[in-house]
Amino acid sequence: MISVDSTDGVRLAVHELGTPDPDARPLLLCHATGFHGRVWRALAEELPHRRCLALDFRGFGDSTEPDGELSWHGFGQDVLAVVDALDLGPVQAVGHSKGGAAILLAEEARPGTIEAAVCFEPIVFPPVEGEPGPNHLAEITKKRREVFDSFDDAIANFAAKPPLGSLRRDVLEDYVRHGFVPQADGSVRLKARREHESQTYATGSSHDGFAHLGEVGCPVLVAHGGDPDGPAQIAPLVAAALPHGELRGFPELGHFGPLEDPTWFAGLVRGFLDG
């Protein structure tokens, strides 16, 4: 694990996944809300020709929370901090949900940082009239269970129901074993505070990333699944607003598509970034 300083007093954790080769071309992997960088391990193993670097965004995994209020632009600053600290730019990047938004926000803030990107259902909403309605994810996350009797108990619990039950088993195990920390009594506790995760969901439509998509000059593949009620519905708008955006739909997948089938997703990444 590599430690990197970001803005707002944040200390980021960056994980080298797969079989790190310092001479291989780097690939920056950016996770979704509620997850952490090491859920990308299965993907990295499918890309042995790349140096796969996965960050934990502020407040998730082994990274610290920001001083003061949470901002989605802060996630973009986390991407920039990693690129600067490890001298990666311009870098190719892969992002899922919030991670895709962070990549686009980073490129908007500093054009030329990202060489090309694959973003699966990035959270970049077009502006809407009036006040946003209630955020279901933010509300239920406030009540999510944080403590389980053991790692195995947590894995069994998540595997038995949606939404995490859709994750490939090895990805789910990585999520739990690196996203929870053992307690003195033998139980395990979620590393990310549920209040922080809830606030991330609640503020997902508040950033102005959509208004600046025209400033993103790099090629971006915007991929989406088939959920008509989820972020998949905005993917066509994001791709259309990007000067070099390409849209591809995969109706058999849900919002967690990259974690449901990392072997398939690795093929998509290779096809777009290695071509």
Protein backbone atom coordinates (compact mmCIF):
# COMPACT_ATOMS: atom_id res chain seq x y z
CA MET A 1 0.00 0.00 0.00
CA ILE A 2 1.19 3.50 -0.91
CA SER A 3 0.13 6.56 1.12
CA VAL A 4 -0.61 9.81 -0.71
CA ASP A 5 -1.62 13.22 0.63
CA SER A 6 -4.73 14.77 -0.93
CA THR A 7 -6.62 17.99 -0.23
CA ASP A 8 -8.65 18.76 2.92
CA GLY A 9 -6.19 16.91 5.16
CA VAL A 10 -6.95 13.56 3.53
CA ARG A 11 -4.41 10.72 3.51
CA LEU A 12 -5.16 8.31 0.67
CA ALA A 13 -4.35 4.61 0.44
CA VAL A 14 -3.30 3.37 -3.01
CA HIS A 15 -3.03 -0.36 -3.68
CA GLU A 16 -0.83 -2.06 -6.28
CA LEU A 17 -2.91 -4.99 -7.50
CA GLY A 18 -2.16 -8.08 -9.53
CA THR A 19 1.54 -8.62 -10.20
CA PRO A 20 3.00 -5.11 -10.06
CA ASP A 21 5.54 -4.36 -12.76
CA PRO A 22 7.01 -0.89 -12.29
CA ASP A 23 7.86 -0.76 -15.99
CA ALA A 24 4.34 -1.67 -17.15
CA ARG A 25 1.93 0.99 -18.35
CA PRO A 26 -0.07 2.29 -15.37
CA LEU A 27 -3.83 2.00 -15.10
CA LEU A 28 -5.67 3.92 -12.37
CA LEU A 29 -8.73 2.13 -10.95
CA CYS A 30 -11.45 4.17 -9.20
CA HIS A 31 -14.16 2.48 -7.12
CA ALA A 32 -17.84 3.19 -6.54
CA THR A 33 -19.45 4.62 -3.40
CA GLY A 34 -19.41 2.16 -0.50
CA PHE A 35 -16.51 0.15 -1.87
CA HIS A 36 -12.70 0.44 -1.77
CA GLY A 37 -9.81 -0.01 -4.15
CA ARG A 38 -9.14 -3.67 -3.49
CA VAL A 39 -12.44 -4.79 -5.04
CA TRP A 40 -10.54 -4.33 -8.32
CA ARG A 41 -8.14 -7.24 -7.59
CA ALA A 42 -10.01 -9.69 -9.85
CA LEU A 43 -9.94 -7.17 -12.69
CA ALA A 44 -6.22 -6.50 -12.19
CA GLU A 45 -5.45 -10.21 -12.45
CA GLU A 46 -7.03 -10.17 -15.91
CA LEU A 47 -4.67 -7.34 -16.94
CA PRO A 48 -1.19 -8.67 -16.13
CA HIS A 49 0.38 -6.40 -18.76
CA ARG A 50 -0.61 -3.28 -16.79
CA ARG A 51 0.53 -1.72 -13.52
CA CYS A 52 -2.87 -1.55 -11.81
CA LEU A 53 -3.15 1.10 -9.10
CA ALA A 54 -6.40 1.33 -7.14
CA LEU A 55 -7.05 4.16 -4.71
CA ASP A 56 -9.37 4.24 -1.72
CA PHE A 57 -11.32 7.49 -2.01
CA ARG A 58 -11.53 9.82 0.99
CA GLY A 59 -13.48 8.21 3.82
CA PHE A 60 -13.49 4.73 2.26
CA GLY A 61 -11.25 1.72 2.77
CA ASP A 62 -7.96 2.70 4.38
CA SER A 63 -8.12 6.41 3.47
CA THR A 64 -8.99 9.10 5.98
CA GLU A 65 -12.00 11.42 5.92
CA PRO A 66 -11.67 15.07 4.90
CA ASP A 67 -11.49 17.94 7.32
CA GLY A 68 -14.82 19.72 6.98
CA GLU A 69 -17.65 18.92 4.61
CA LEU A 70 -17.62 16.20 1.99
CA SER A 71 -17.50 17.39 -1.63
CA TRP A 72 -17.65 15.36 -4.83
CA HIS A 73 -15.02 17.66 -6.26
CA GLY A 74 -12.85 16.27 -3.46
CA PHE A 75 -13.04 12.84 -5.11
CA GLY A 76 -11.69 14.46 -8.26
CA GLN A 77 -8.91 16.00 -6.17
CA ASP A 78 -8.09 12.52 -4.88
CA VAL A 79 -7.51 11.35 -8.45
CA LEU A 80 -5.26 14.34 -9.12
CA ALA A 81 -3.32 13.73 -5.90
CA VAL A 82 -2.55 10.14 -6.87
CA VAL A 83 -1.56 11.10 -10.41
CA ASP A 84 0.79 13.80 -9.07
CA ALA A 85 2.31 11.80 -6.23
CA LEU A 86 3.08 8.78 -8.41
CA ASP A 87 3.95 10.83 -11.53
CA LEU A 88 1.38 8.98 -13.64
CA GLY A 89 -0.06 11.63 -15.91
CA PRO A 90 -1.37 11.60 -18.47
CA VAL A 91 -2.83 8.30 -17.30
CA GLN A 92 -5.43 5.88 -18.51
CA ALA A 93 -8.18 5.25 -15.95
CA VAL A 94 -11.14 3.03 -15.19
CA GLY A 95 -14.01 4.18 -13.01
CA HIS A 96 -17.21 2.65 -11.66
CA SER A 97 -20.12 4.92 -10.63
CA LYS A 98 -18.60 7.53 -8.29
CA GLY A 99 -15.16 6.51 -9.55
CA GLY A 100 -16.16 7.37 -13.10
CA ALA A 101 -17.42 10.77 -11.96
CA ALA A 102 -14.16 11.39 -10.10
CA ILE A 103 -12.13 10.70 -13.25
CA LEU A 104 -14.23 13.17 -15.26
CA LEU A 105 -14.09 15.79 -12.49
CA ALA A 106 -10.30 15.43 -12.34
CA GLU A 107 -9.96 15.93 -16.11
CA GLU A 108 -12.30 18.93 -15.98
CA ALA A 109 -10.21 20.47 -13.20
CA ARG A 110 -6.92 19.83 -15.00
CA PRO A 111 -7.22 19.03 -18.71
CA GLY A 112 -4.59 16.59 -19.93
CA THR A 113 -4.48 14.54 -16.71
CA ILE A 114 -6.43 11.63 -18.20
CA GLU A 115 -5.29 10.09 -21.49
CA ALA A 116 -8.36 7.88 -21.95
CA ALA A 117 -10.98 6.37 -19.65
CA VAL A 118 -13.57 3.65 -19.30
CA CYS A 119 -16.44 4.76 -17.04
CA PHE A 120 -19.25 2.40 -16.08
CA GLU A 121 -22.39 4.40 -15.19
CA PRO A 122 -20.57 7.52 -13.94
CA ILE A 123 -22.58 9.62 -11.49
CA VAL A 124 -22.71 12.85 -13.50
CA PHE A 125 -26.29 14.08 -13.47
CA PRO A 126 -27.60 16.85 -15.72
CA PRO A 127 -29.08 19.80 -13.81
CA VAL A 128 -32.75 19.57 -12.83
CA GLU A 129 -35.32 22.21 -12.03
CA GLY A 130 -36.19 22.82 -8.39
CA GLU A 131 -35.04 21.01 -5.28
CA PRO A 132 -33.92 17.37 -5.58
CA GLY A 133 -36.32 14.80 -4.19
CA PRO A 134 -35.60 12.38 -1.35
CA ASN A 135 -32.56 10.15 -1.86
CA HIS A 136 -33.52 6.55 -1.11
CA LEU A 137 -29.93 5.27 -1.03
CA ALA A 138 -28.85 7.98 1.38
CA GLU A 139 -31.67 7.15 3.76
CA ILE A 140 -31.23 3.38 3.83
CA THR A 141 -27.45 3.70 4.15
CA LYS A 142 -27.89 5.61 7.41
CA LYS A 143 -29.32 2.38 8.85
CA ARG A 144 -26.98 -0.13 7.25
CA ARG A 145 -25.47 -2.79 9.45
CA GLU A 146 -21.87 -1.98 10.41
CA VAL A 147 -20.90 -4.94 12.63
CA PHE A 148 -20.95 -8.70 11.98
CA ASP A 149 -19.85 -11.65 14.08
CA SER A 150 -17.03 -12.50 11.65
CA PHE A 151 -15.81 -12.01 8.10
CA ASP A 152 -17.58 -15.21 7.06
CA ASP A 153 -20.82 -14.03 8.68
CA ALA A 154 -20.66 -10.77 6.72
CA ILE A 155 -19.92 -12.56 3.45
CA ALA A 156 -22.83 -14.96 3.95
CA ASN A 157 -25.16 -12.09 4.81
CA PHE A 158 -24.30 -10.04 1.72
CA ALA A 159 -24.27 -13.05 -0.62
CA ALA A 160 -27.85 -13.95 0.28
CA LYS A 161 -29.57 -10.79 -0.93
CA PRO A 162 -29.33 -7.80 -3.26
CA PRO A 163 -27.55 -5.66 -4.08
CA LEU A 164 -24.19 -7.19 -3.08
CA GLY A 165 -25.42 -10.70 -3.78
CA SER A 166 -24.87 -9.96 -7.47
CA LEU A 167 -21.10 -9.58 -7.00
CA ARG A 168 -18.88 -12.43 -8.14
CA ARG A 169 -17.98 -14.42 -5.06
CA ASP A 170 -14.26 -13.58 -5.02
CA VAL A 171 -15.05 -9.87 -5.44
CA LEU A 172 -17.52 -10.01 -2.57
CA GLU A 173 -14.91 -11.68 -0.37
CA ASP A 174 -12.39 -8.97 -1.23
CA TYR A 175 -14.98 -6.30 -0.41
CA VAL A 176 -15.57 -7.78 3.04
CA ARG A 177 -12.07 -8.87 4.00
CA HIS A 178 -10.57 -5.49 3.11
CA GLY A 179 -13.58 -3.31 3.90
CA PHE A 180 -14.08 -4.47 7.49
CA VAL A 181 -11.67 -4.43 10.42
CA PRO A 182 -11.51 -7.00 13.27
CA GLN A 183 -12.63 -5.88 16.73
CA ALA A 184 -11.34 -6.97 20.13
CA ASP A 185 -14.33 -9.27 20.68
CA GLY A 186 -13.74 -11.12 17.39
CA SER A 187 -16.44 -9.30 15.45
CA VAL A 188 -15.73 -7.17 12.35
CA ARG A 189 -16.74 -3.55 11.73
CA LEU A 190 -17.16 -1.65 8.48
CA LYS A 191 -14.22 0.71 7.90
CA ALA A 192 -16.26 3.42 6.17
CA ARG A 193 -18.73 5.19 8.45
CA ARG A 194 -22.28 4.78 7.21
CA GLU A 195 -22.87 8.52 7.78
CA HIS A 196 -20.05 9.31 5.35
CA GLU A 197 -21.40 6.89 2.77
CA SER A 198 -24.91 8.29 3.19
CA GLN A 199 -23.67 11.84 2.65
CA THR A 200 -21.86 10.71 -0.50
CA TYR A 201 -25.12 9.39 -1.93
CA ALA A 202 -27.05 12.46 -0.79
CA THR A 203 -24.69 14.88 -2.56
CA GLY A 204 -24.20 12.86 -5.76
CA SER A 205 -26.38 15.18 -7.85
CA SER A 206 -24.99 18.40 -6.40
CA HIS A 207 -21.73 18.76 -8.33
CA ASP A 208 -21.51 20.61 -11.65
CA GLY A 209 -19.53 18.00 -13.56
CA PHE A 210 -22.16 17.61 -16.30
CA ALA A 211 -21.95 21.29 -17.24
CA HIS A 212 -18.24 20.92 -17.99
CA LEU A 213 -18.23 17.61 -19.88
CA GLY A 214 -17.54 19.54 -23.08
CA GLU A 215 -14.10 20.37 -21.64
CA VAL A 216 -13.08 16.70 -21.41
CA GLY A 217 -10.83 16.26 -24.42
CA CYS A 218 -9.79 12.62 -23.97
CA PRO A 219 -11.60 9.56 -25.36
CA VAL A 220 -14.11 8.15 -22.85
CA LEU A 221 -16.06 4.92 -23.12
CA VAL A 222 -19.31 5.28 -21.17
CA ALA A 223 -20.71 1.80 -20.48
CA HIS A 224 -23.98 1.01 -18.76
CA GLY A 225 -26.17 -1.85 -17.66
CA GLY A 226 -29.87 -2.41 -18.15
CA ASP A 227 -31.53 -1.03 -14.99
CA PRO A 228 -34.05 1.56 -16.27
CA ASP A 229 -34.39 3.16 -12.84
CA GLY A 230 -30.69 3.49 -12.00
CA PRO A 231 -27.72 5.55 -13.22
CA ALA A 232 -27.85 3.65 -16.52
CA GLN A 233 -30.51 6.09 -17.71
CA ILE A 234 -28.10 9.06 -17.65
CA ALA A 235 -25.23 7.27 -19.41
CA PRO A 236 -26.44 8.24 -22.92
CA LEU A 237 -26.62 11.90 -21.85
CA VAL A 238 -23.08 11.78 -20.46
CA ALA A 239 -21.67 10.11 -23.57
CA ALA A 240 -23.44 12.60 -25.86
CA ALA A 241 -22.07 15.58 -23.91
CA LEU A 242 -18.46 14.36 -24.15
CA PRO A 243 -16.54 15.54 -27.24
CA HIS A 244 -15.00 12.08 -27.64
CA GLY A 245 -17.54 9.95 -25.82
CA GLU A 246 -18.57 6.46 -26.89
CA LEU A 247 -21.64 4.70 -25.47
CA ARG A 248 -22.07 0.95 -25.05
CA GLY A 249 -24.97 -0.77 -23.30
CA PHE A 250 -25.05 -4.19 -21.65
CA PRO A 251 -28.68 -4.82 -20.64
CA GLU A 252 -27.90 -8.10 -18.89
CA LEU A 253 -25.87 -6.29 -16.21
CA GLY A 254 -26.87 -4.19 -13.22
CA HIS A 255 -25.19 -1.12 -11.75
CA PHE A 256 -22.47 -3.34 -10.25
CA GLY A 257 -21.59 -4.78 -13.66
CA PRO A 258 -17.77 -4.47 -13.35
CA LEU A 259 -17.91 -6.38 -10.05
CA GLU A 260 -20.49 -8.89 -11.25
CA ASP A 261 -18.27 -10.02 -14.12
CA PRO A 262 -14.71 -8.66 -13.88
CA THR A 263 -13.49 -11.02 -16.60
CA TRP A 264 -15.94 -9.50 -19.09
CA PHE A 265 -15.13 -5.99 -17.90
CA ALA A 266 -11.39 -6.60 -18.31
CA GLY A 267 -12.06 -7.49 -21.95
CA LEU A 268 -13.97 -4.24 -22.40
CA VAL A 269 -11.10 -2.29 -20.85
CA ARG A 270 -8.49 -4.00 -23.01
CA GLY A 271 -10.50 -3.45 -26.16
CA PHE A 272 -10.87 0.28 -25.57
CA LEU A 273 -7.58 1.23 -23.92
CA ASP A 274 -5.11 -1.14 -25.58
CA GLY A 275 -6.37 -0.70 -29.11
